[in-house]
Protein backbone atom coordinates (compact mmCIF):
# COMPACT_ATOMS: atom_id res chain seq x y z
CA MET A 1 45.34 118.89 95.79
CA THR A 2 42.14 120.88 96.13
CA MET A 3 40.65 122.11 99.38
CA ASP A 4 37.71 119.70 98.92
CA SER A 5 40.05 116.70 98.65
CA ARG A 6 42.03 117.92 101.68
CA ASP A 7 38.78 118.19 103.66
CA ILE A 8 37.92 114.62 102.67
CA LEU A 9 41.36 113.38 103.78
CA ILE A 10 41.19 115.24 107.09
CA GLY A 11 37.74 113.69 107.55
CA ARG A 12 39.26 110.26 106.99
CA ILE A 13 41.91 111.00 109.62
CA LYS A 14 39.12 111.98 112.02
CA ASP A 15 37.36 108.68 111.21
CA GLY A 16 40.36 106.90 112.74
CA ILE A 17 40.18 108.84 116.02
CA ASP A 18 38.56 107.06 118.92
CA THR A 19 37.56 108.65 122.21
CA THR A 20 39.90 106.58 124.38
CA GLN A 21 42.01 108.91 126.46
CA MET A 22 45.64 108.73 125.46
CA GLY A 23 48.30 109.05 128.13
CA ASP A 24 50.78 111.90 128.36
CA ASN A 25 53.22 111.75 125.46
CA SER A 26 54.44 115.32 125.77
CA ASN A 27 57.99 113.99 126.26
CA LYS A 28 57.92 112.26 122.85
CA GLY A 29 58.22 113.52 119.31
CA ILE A 30 56.89 112.55 115.89
CA LEU A 31 58.52 113.65 112.65
CA VAL A 32 56.18 113.42 109.66
CA ARG A 33 57.45 113.28 106.06
CA GLY A 34 54.62 114.15 103.72
CA CYS A 35 54.01 115.76 100.34
CA ASP A 36 51.36 118.43 100.89
CA PRO A 37 52.25 121.38 103.14
CA GLU A 38 48.59 122.31 103.75
CA MET A 39 47.68 118.75 104.77
CA GLY A 40 50.69 118.74 107.08
CA ARG A 41 49.60 121.96 108.78
CA ARG A 42 46.05 120.73 109.21
CA ALA A 43 47.10 117.33 110.54
CA ILE A 44 49.53 118.91 113.02
CA LYS A 45 46.64 120.93 114.46
CA LEU A 46 44.47 117.82 114.81
CA LEU A 47 46.77 114.97 115.84
CA PRO A 48 48.75 116.01 118.94
CA GLN A 49 45.66 116.39 121.13
CA VAL A 50 44.48 112.83 120.37
CA LEU A 51 47.98 111.37 120.76
CA GLY A 52 48.81 112.71 124.22
CA ASN A 53 50.42 115.95 123.00
CA PRO A 54 53.73 114.78 121.55
CA GLU A 55 55.86 117.33 119.71
CA MET A 56 54.97 116.99 116.03
CA VAL A 57 56.83 118.41 113.07
CA ALA A 58 55.69 117.89 109.48
CA VAL A 59 58.04 118.45 106.54
CA THR A 60 57.45 118.14 102.81
CA ASN A 61 60.96 118.26 101.37
CA ASP A 62 64.14 116.36 101.97
CA ASP A 63 66.25 119.34 103.02
CA ASP A 64 63.94 119.88 106.00
CA PHE A 65 63.57 116.14 106.59
CA ILE A 66 67.32 115.58 106.81
CA THR A 67 67.74 118.65 109.02
CA GLU A 68 65.11 117.32 111.43
CA LEU A 69 66.63 113.81 111.42
CA GLN A 70 69.94 115.36 112.45
CA ARG A 71 68.46 117.86 114.91
CA LYS A 72 67.25 115.41 117.56
CA LYS A 73 66.28 111.85 118.39
CA TRP A 74 62.63 111.38 117.43
CA SER A 75 60.30 108.82 119.04
CA VAL A 76 58.48 108.05 115.79
CA ILE A 77 59.03 108.79 112.12
CA HIS A 78 55.77 108.83 110.17
CA PHE A 79 55.52 108.65 106.39
CA ALA A 80 52.21 110.29 105.51
CA PRO A 81 49.66 108.47 103.34
CA GLY A 82 50.36 110.61 100.27
CA ALA A 83 54.07 109.76 100.38
CA CYS A 84 53.18 106.08 100.86
CA ARG A 85 50.80 106.19 97.89
CA TYR A 86 53.57 107.60 95.68
CA ASP A 87 55.82 104.76 96.82
CA ALA A 88 53.08 102.17 96.21
CA ILE A 89 52.89 103.16 92.54
CA LYS A 90 56.70 103.26 92.29
CA SER A 91 56.77 107.03 91.79
CA PRO A 92 59.32 109.26 93.51
CA ILE A 93 58.05 111.01 96.62
CA PRO A 94 57.69 114.77 95.96
CA GLY A 95 60.10 117.08 97.75
CA SER A 96 63.27 115.18 96.87
CA ARG A 97 66.58 116.88 96.26
CA SER A 98 69.52 115.87 94.06
CA GLN A 99 70.87 113.37 96.64
CA THR A 100 67.41 111.76 97.12
CA LYS A 101 66.07 111.98 93.57
CA GLY A 102 63.98 108.95 92.68
CA TRP A 103 63.93 107.55 96.21
CA GLY A 104 61.14 105.37 97.53
CA LEU A 105 60.32 104.41 101.11
CA ALA A 106 63.07 101.79 101.31
CA GLU A 107 65.77 104.42 100.75
CA TYR A 108 64.09 106.87 103.11
CA LYS A 109 63.87 104.24 105.84
CA ASN A 110 67.59 103.51 105.42
CA LEU A 111 68.28 107.24 105.82
CA VAL A 112 66.09 107.36 108.93
CA ARG A 113 67.90 104.40 110.52
CA LYS A 114 71.28 105.96 109.66
CA HIS A 115 70.40 109.10 111.65
CA GLN A 116 67.97 107.73 114.26
CA GLY A 117 69.24 104.19 114.88
CA GLU A 118 67.93 100.74 114.04
CA ASP A 119 65.32 100.77 116.81
CA ILE A 120 63.43 103.85 115.58
CA ASN A 121 59.67 103.40 115.24
CA ILE A 122 58.65 103.99 111.62
CA VAL A 123 54.95 104.30 110.83
CA GLU A 124 53.62 104.21 107.29
CA THR A 125 50.17 103.77 105.78
CA THR A 126 48.29 104.71 102.63
CA ASP A 127 45.04 104.98 104.62
CA GLU A 128 44.34 108.15 106.62
CA ARG A 129 42.04 106.20 108.97
CA GLN A 130 45.05 104.19 110.16
CA ILE A 131 47.22 107.18 111.15
CA VAL A 132 45.92 107.60 114.69
CA PRO A 133 45.77 103.89 115.62
CA LEU A 134 49.26 103.25 114.22
CA LEU A 135 50.79 106.32 115.86
CA ARG A 136 49.12 105.45 119.18
CA LYS A 137 50.54 101.93 119.02
CA ALA A 138 54.01 103.25 118.21
CA LEU A 139 53.91 105.80 121.04
CA GLU A 140 52.64 103.20 123.53
CA SER A 141 55.58 100.91 122.69
CA ILE A 142 58.06 103.57 123.86
CA ASN A 143 58.89 103.75 127.56
């Protein structure tokens, strides 16, 4: 992905940000499984401040994803738009390892529920403009 396309995608994320003040979510955490390390770094700089400052960790491979799923109980698991777009066209999500080779979102969600429980909030979208509204809704649903 080129820097220009990353700038466009970050712009689309910003398009989904409203000015409504979000409550304090500093006691919550969001684990993001994406495909592009640079997009992950840029999104992590942008999103916490508009989501009430939850802990956010973005990973782009399954070794790190599984480690994070086992490390702690997360409030929300978010599959980034790029990963969702790969799934939508029935292509494997980049960053897989031998035990996850060829997986789509259904298999990843089963893995998430195995480690995080059936009640875990899972957010997925192919549209960057929906990230903030969907994550806000997920965070608000957690007491």
